[in-house]
Each structure stands twice: as C-alpha cells, then as structure tokens.
C-alpha atoms as a PDB file:
ATOM      1  CA  MET A   1      77.274  11.662  48.074  1.00  0.00           C
ATOM      2  CA  GLU A   2      73.663  12.997  46.632  1.00  0.00           C
ATOM      3  CA  ILE A   3      75.027  14.540  43.247  1.00  0.00           C
ATOM      4  CA  LEU A   4      76.192  10.764  42.906  1.00  0.00           C
ATOM      5  CA  ILE A   5      72.699   9.186  43.947  1.00  0.00           C
ATOM      6  CA  GLY A   6      70.997  12.151  41.486  1.00  0.00           C
ATOM      7  CA  PHE A   7      73.571  10.940  38.401  1.00  0.00           C
ATOM      8  CA  SER A   8      72.421   7.404  39.583  1.00  0.00           C
ATOM      9  CA  LEU A   9      68.789   7.962  38.389  1.00  0.00           C
ATOM     10  CA  LEU A  10      69.698  10.501  35.693  1.00  0.00           C
ATOM     11  CA  MET A  11      71.351   7.072  34.041  1.00  0.00           C
ATOM     12  CA  ALA A  12      68.453   5.079  34.920  1.00  0.00           C
ATOM     13  CA  GLY A  13      65.848   7.438  33.223  1.00  0.00           C
ATOM     14  CA  THR A  14      68.028   8.124  30.334  1.00  0.00           C
ATOM     15  CA  PHE A  15      68.201   3.986  30.018  1.00  0.00           C
ATOM     16  CA  ILE A  16      64.148   3.815  30.309  1.00  0.00           C
ATOM     17  CA  PHE A  17      63.904   6.600  27.941  1.00  0.00           C
ATOM     18  CA  ALA A  18      66.514   5.715  25.479  1.00  0.00           C
ATOM     19  CA  THR A  19      66.633   1.591  25.220  1.00  0.00           C
ATOM     20  CA  VAL A  20      70.220   1.880  25.966  1.00  0.00           C
ATOM     21  CA  LYS A  21      72.136  -1.316  25.674  1.00  0.00           C
ATOM     22  CA  GLY A  22      75.683  -2.493  25.541  1.00  0.00           C
ATOM     23  CA  LYS A  23      78.954  -0.561  26.697  1.00  0.00           C
ATOM     24  CA  LEU A  24      77.316   1.861  29.493  1.00  0.00           C
ATOM     25  CA  THR A  25      75.222  -0.033  31.294  1.00  0.00           C
ATOM     26  CA  TRP A  26      77.905  -0.920  33.360  1.00  0.00           C
ATOM     27  CA  ALA A  27      77.373   2.715  35.012  1.00  0.00           C
ATOM     28  CA  LEU A  28      73.845   2.402  36.507  1.00  0.00           C
ATOM     29  CA  PRO A  29      75.287  -0.677  39.101  1.00  0.00           C
ATOM     30  CA  MET A  30      77.995   1.398  40.248  1.00  0.00           C
ATOM     31  CA  LEU A  31      76.246   4.559  40.733  1.00  0.00           C
ATOM     32  CA  ALA A  32      73.160   2.173  42.539  1.00  0.00           C
ATOM     33  CA  LEU A  33      76.640   1.001  44.730  1.00  0.00           C
ATOM     34  CA  ALA A  34      77.004   4.810  45.752  1.00  0.00           C
ATOM     35  CA  HIS A  35      72.830   4.924  46.629  1.00  0.00           C
ATOM     36  CA  GLY A  36      73.167   1.964  48.706  1.00  0.00           C
ATOM     37  CA  TRP A  37      76.088   3.081  50.681  1.00  0.00           C
ATOM     38  CA  ALA A  38      74.299   6.502  51.744  1.00  0.00           C
ATOM     39  CA  HIS A  39      71.799   4.016  53.392  1.00  0.00           C
ATOM     40  CA  GLY A  40      74.186   1.802  54.622  1.00  0.00           C
ATOM     41  CA  ALA A  41      75.734   5.283  56.390  1.00  0.00           C
ATOM     42  CA  GLU A  42      71.966   5.365  57.910  1.00  0.00           C
ATOM     43  CA  GLY A  43      72.317   2.672  60.005  1.00  0.00           C
ATOM     44  CA  ASN A  44      74.091   2.244  64.001  1.00  0.00           C
ATOM     45  CA  GLU A  45      75.716  -0.304  65.475  1.00  0.00           C
ATOM     46  CA  ASP A  46      72.976  -1.092  67.692  1.00  0.00           C
ATOM     47  CA  GLY A  47      71.196  -1.404  65.194  1.00  0.00           C
ATOM     48  CA  PHE A  48      72.356  -3.091  62.363  1.00  0.00           C
ATOM     49  CA  TRP A  49      71.092  -6.468  61.897  1.00  0.00           C
ATOM     50  CA  LEU A  50      67.334  -5.434  62.269  1.00  0.00           C
ATOM     51  CA  PHE A  51      68.640  -2.165  59.604  1.00  0.00           C
ATOM     52  CA  ALA A  52      70.033  -4.908  57.697  1.00  0.00           C
ATOM     53  CA  VAL A  53      67.264  -7.704  57.582  1.00  0.00           C
ATOM     54  CA  GLY A  54      64.517  -4.401  56.352  1.00  0.00           C
ATOM     55  CA  PHE A  55      66.675  -2.740  54.192  1.00  0.00           C
ATOM     56  CA  MET A  56      67.388  -6.617  52.415  1.00  0.00           C
ATOM     57  CA  LEU A  57      63.241  -6.834  52.274  1.00  0.00           C
ATOM     58  CA  GLY A  58      62.467  -3.579  51.145  1.00  0.00           C
ATOM     59  CA  CYS A  59      65.374  -3.415  48.158  1.00  0.00           C
ATOM     60  CA  THR A  60      64.272  -7.240  47.408  1.00  0.00           C
ATOM     61  CA  ALA A  61      60.454  -5.626  47.029  1.00  0.00           C
ATOM     62  CA  ILE A  62      61.300  -2.590  44.752  1.00  0.00           C
ATOM     63  CA  LEU A  63      63.065  -4.826  42.738  1.00  0.00           C
ATOM     64  CA  THR A  64      60.261  -7.214  42.249  1.00  0.00           C
ATOM     65  CA  VAL A  65      58.261  -4.439  41.189  1.00  0.00           C
ATOM     66  CA  GLY A  66      61.174  -2.668  38.699  1.00  0.00           C
ATOM     67  CA  TYR A  67      61.226  -6.164  36.889  1.00  0.00           C
ATOM     68  CA  GLY A  68      57.863  -6.399  36.512  1.00  0.00           C
ATOM     69  CA  VAL A  69      57.510  -2.705  35.471  1.00  0.00           C
ATOM     70  CA  GLY A  70      60.542  -3.115  32.981  1.00  0.00           C
ATOM     71  CA  VAL A  71      58.553  -6.209  31.506  1.00  0.00           C
ATOM     72  CA  PHE A  72      55.572  -3.839  31.246  1.00  0.00           C
ATOM     73  CA  LEU A  73      57.824  -1.253  29.490  1.00  0.00           C
ATOM     74  CA  ARG A  74      59.821  -3.797  27.379  1.00  0.00           C
ATOM     75  CA  SER A  75      56.306  -4.651  25.493  1.00  0.00           C
ATOM     76  CA  HIS A  76      55.083  -0.821  24.910  1.00  0.00           C
ATOM     77  CA  PRO A  77      56.963   1.742  23.751  1.00  0.00           C
ATOM     78  CA  VAL A  78      55.078   5.150  24.352  1.00  0.00           C
ATOM     79  CA  MET A  79      54.936   3.965  28.118  1.00  0.00           C
ATOM     80  CA  ARG A  80      58.694   3.537  28.104  1.00  0.00           C
ATOM     81  CA  GLN A  81      59.124   6.789  26.658  1.00  0.00           C
ATOM     82  CA  VAL A  82      56.669   8.454  29.098  1.00  0.00           C
ATOM     83  CA  ALA A  83      58.124   7.142  32.595  1.00  0.00           C
ATOM     84  CA  GLY A  84      61.578   7.345  31.208  1.00  0.00           C
ATOM     85  CA  GLY A  85      61.212  11.068  30.718  1.00  0.00           C
ATOM     86  CA  ALA A  86      59.382  11.735  33.830  1.00  0.00           C
ATOM     87  CA  TRP A  87      62.511   9.621  35.768  1.00  0.00           C
ATOM     88  CA  LEU A  88      64.529  12.316  34.099  1.00  0.00           C
ATOM     89  CA  ALA A  89      62.796  15.115  35.400  1.00  0.00           C
ATOM     90  CA  ALA A  90      62.648  13.981  38.637  1.00  0.00           C
ATOM     91  CA  ALA A  91      66.432  13.361  38.432  1.00  0.00           C
ATOM     92  CA  ILE A  92      66.785  16.842  37.218  1.00  0.00           C
ATOM     93  CA  ALA A  93      65.115  18.020  40.061  1.00  0.00           C
ATOM     94  CA  VAL A  94      67.330  15.987  42.783  1.00  0.00           C
ATOM     95  CA  ILE A  95      70.194  17.396  41.166  1.00  0.00           C
ATOM     96  CA  ALA A  96      69.371  21.309  40.891  1.00  0.00           C
ATOM     97  CA  GLY A  97      67.333  21.040  44.764  1.00  0.00           C
END
C-alpha cells in the first residue's frame, strides 16, 4: 500500500512539474484511490461514522486549498516548477524510505 501511495505522490509531482495533460491524467485518481483506501482501513467499526465525517471534512478542506494553490501555480510557471520539484523530491524520499 505504501508503494502505491508513494507512486501517487510521484505522479502528482510530475503532473505539477511538467504540466502533464491528456491520456496520463487518468492514473492520478486511480492511485489516489489507493491512498484513500489506506486511510479507510484505519477506521474501526465503533467510530466509523465519526471517522468518515471527519475524513470527508478534512478532504474537502485539503482539496479546496489545493485548488487555490493550483490556480495560483497555473499563472506562475516558475513557482509551478519549484513546487513540482519539491513534490517530486518528497515522493522519492517516501518511496526510498
């Protein structure tokens, strides 16, 4: 599972750094499913609904901020490459670790 999460981070960094569009973009949501699956496995039966609601609210906040950052990076190509490079470095560290 950790390898799939690492590769989802690697692909996201590549997409940010290189502005990948088109046929390859289907892969990121597929790998993000593995990431979500790992978090879902952390929940237990007793507090499932509380966990699920908190997880959904947290994801909504992260995606909203991520959208704002994406809009910013779209209009600042140098910052996009810096952010993508940093993301790639972090993904490589996760995969190597």
